[in-house]
Amino acid sequence: MGFCIALQSESGKQLGVISDEKNLLTRLLSDPDWKERPMLASIDKYGDTTFNSVQIEHFLLEWESLFAKAITPAEISLLESIKNMAEKSLLKVHQYLVFIGE
């Protein structure tokens, strides 16, 4: 199984969850350049990675680059869903986008 991506409150309550059951993100996130895409490069596939509202804006800019790597409709749909969740995290204070690794 791949990542679970959650929108969480400050208390850790999950406000939404996306499961990458087909493990599509592993290929899409493979070998990011630390200098060009530090947000994507920091996602730990074995641990949890949390992005706050300051980081999300940078994350979203880097996330757009993954659409060029997407091949299947399932990959594009997953990228769109995560992008939407990331954008939603900006609507209220103390909401976080969390990548929960394997």
Protein backbone atom coordinates (compact mmCIF):
# COMPACT_ATOMS: atom_id res chain seq x y z
CA MET A 1 0.00 0.00 0.00
CA GLY A 2 1.13 3.53 -0.68
CA PHE A 3 0.66 6.79 1.15
CA CYS A 4 -2.36 8.06 2.97
CA ILE A 5 -2.70 11.81 2.70
CA ALA A 6 -4.70 13.54 5.41
CA LEU A 7 -5.99 16.98 6.13
CA GLN A 8 -5.55 17.35 9.89
CA SER A 9 -6.44 19.88 12.52
CA GLU A 10 -3.96 21.12 15.10
CA SER A 11 -5.22 18.48 17.52
CA GLY A 12 -4.54 15.73 14.97
CA LYS A 13 -8.18 15.15 14.03
CA GLN A 14 -8.45 13.95 10.45
CA LEU A 15 -10.70 16.23 8.42
CA GLY A 16 -10.23 14.26 5.20
CA VAL A 17 -8.18 11.33 3.93
CA ILE A 18 -6.98 10.19 0.51
CA SER A 19 -5.54 6.68 0.20
CA ASP A 20 -3.05 5.87 -2.53
CA GLU A 21 -4.01 2.19 -2.52
CA LYS A 22 -2.35 1.53 -5.88
CA ASN A 23 0.91 3.17 -4.73
CA LEU A 24 0.89 5.63 -7.63
CA LEU A 25 2.77 8.38 -5.81
CA THR A 26 5.92 6.31 -5.35
CA ARG A 27 6.75 6.61 -9.06
CA LEU A 28 5.58 10.20 -9.35
CA LEU A 29 7.66 11.32 -6.36
CA SER A 30 10.76 9.34 -7.27
CA ASP A 31 14.08 11.20 -7.40
CA PRO A 32 13.02 14.82 -6.85
CA ASP A 33 15.82 17.36 -7.05
CA TRP A 34 16.46 18.76 -3.55
CA LYS A 35 17.50 22.14 -4.93
CA GLU A 36 14.57 22.57 -7.30
CA ARG A 37 11.85 20.76 -5.35
CA PRO A 38 12.73 20.73 -1.64
CA MET A 39 9.12 20.24 -0.51
CA LEU A 40 8.60 17.15 -2.65
CA ALA A 41 12.05 15.82 -1.80
CA SER A 42 11.23 16.02 1.90
CA ILE A 43 8.27 13.61 1.68
CA ASP A 44 9.29 10.45 3.56
CA LYS A 45 7.71 7.33 2.07
CA TYR A 46 8.30 5.40 5.30
CA GLY A 47 7.39 8.09 7.85
CA ASP A 48 5.01 10.98 8.23
CA THR A 49 5.58 14.36 6.59
CA THR A 50 3.55 17.38 7.66
CA PHE A 51 3.16 20.62 5.72
CA ASN A 52 1.89 23.76 7.43
CA SER A 53 0.22 26.78 5.83
CA VAL A 54 3.55 28.53 5.17
CA GLN A 55 4.96 25.47 3.42
CA ILE A 56 1.80 24.63 1.46
CA GLU A 57 2.21 27.53 -0.95
CA HIS A 58 5.69 26.29 -1.92
CA PHE A 59 4.43 22.71 -1.93
CA LEU A 60 1.66 23.59 -4.41
CA LEU A 61 4.13 25.21 -6.82
CA GLU A 62 6.25 22.06 -6.79
CA TRP A 63 3.20 19.77 -6.93
CA GLU A 64 2.26 21.20 -10.32
CA SER A 65 5.43 19.66 -11.79
CA LEU A 66 4.12 16.17 -11.06
CA PHE A 67 1.30 16.53 -13.58
CA ALA A 68 3.89 16.32 -16.39
CA LYS A 69 4.96 12.91 -15.04
CA ALA A 70 1.39 11.57 -14.75
CA ILE A 71 0.53 8.99 -17.40
CA THR A 72 -2.81 7.49 -16.43
CA PRO A 73 -6.16 9.08 -15.57
CA ALA A 74 -5.82 7.51 -12.09
CA GLU A 75 -2.53 9.34 -11.52
CA ILE A 76 -3.98 12.65 -12.69
CA SER A 77 -7.05 12.17 -10.49
CA LEU A 78 -4.90 11.40 -7.45
CA LEU A 79 -2.71 14.47 -8.06
CA GLU A 80 -5.80 16.67 -8.44
CA SER A 81 -7.36 15.30 -5.24
CA ILE A 82 -4.21 15.97 -3.23
CA LYS A 83 -3.86 19.44 -4.77
CA ASN A 84 -7.46 20.23 -3.78
CA MET A 85 -6.83 19.00 -0.23
CA ALA A 86 -3.68 21.12 -0.01
CA GLU A 87 -5.60 24.18 -1.17
CA LYS A 88 -8.34 23.42 1.35
CA SER A 89 -5.74 23.42 4.13
CA LEU A 90 -5.16 27.12 3.43
CA LEU A 91 -8.78 28.06 4.10
CA LYS A 92 -8.55 27.79 7.90
CA VAL A 93 -5.72 28.33 10.36
CA HIS A 94 -4.06 25.36 12.02
CA GLN A 95 -4.82 22.84 9.29
CA TYR A 96 -2.06 20.63 8.00
CA LEU A 97 -1.49 18.39 5.00
CA VAL A 98 0.09 15.15 6.20
CA PHE A 99 1.65 12.42 4.07
CA ILE A 100 1.49 9.21 6.08
CA GLY A 101 4.10 6.76 4.78
CA GLU A 102 4.06 2.98 4.74
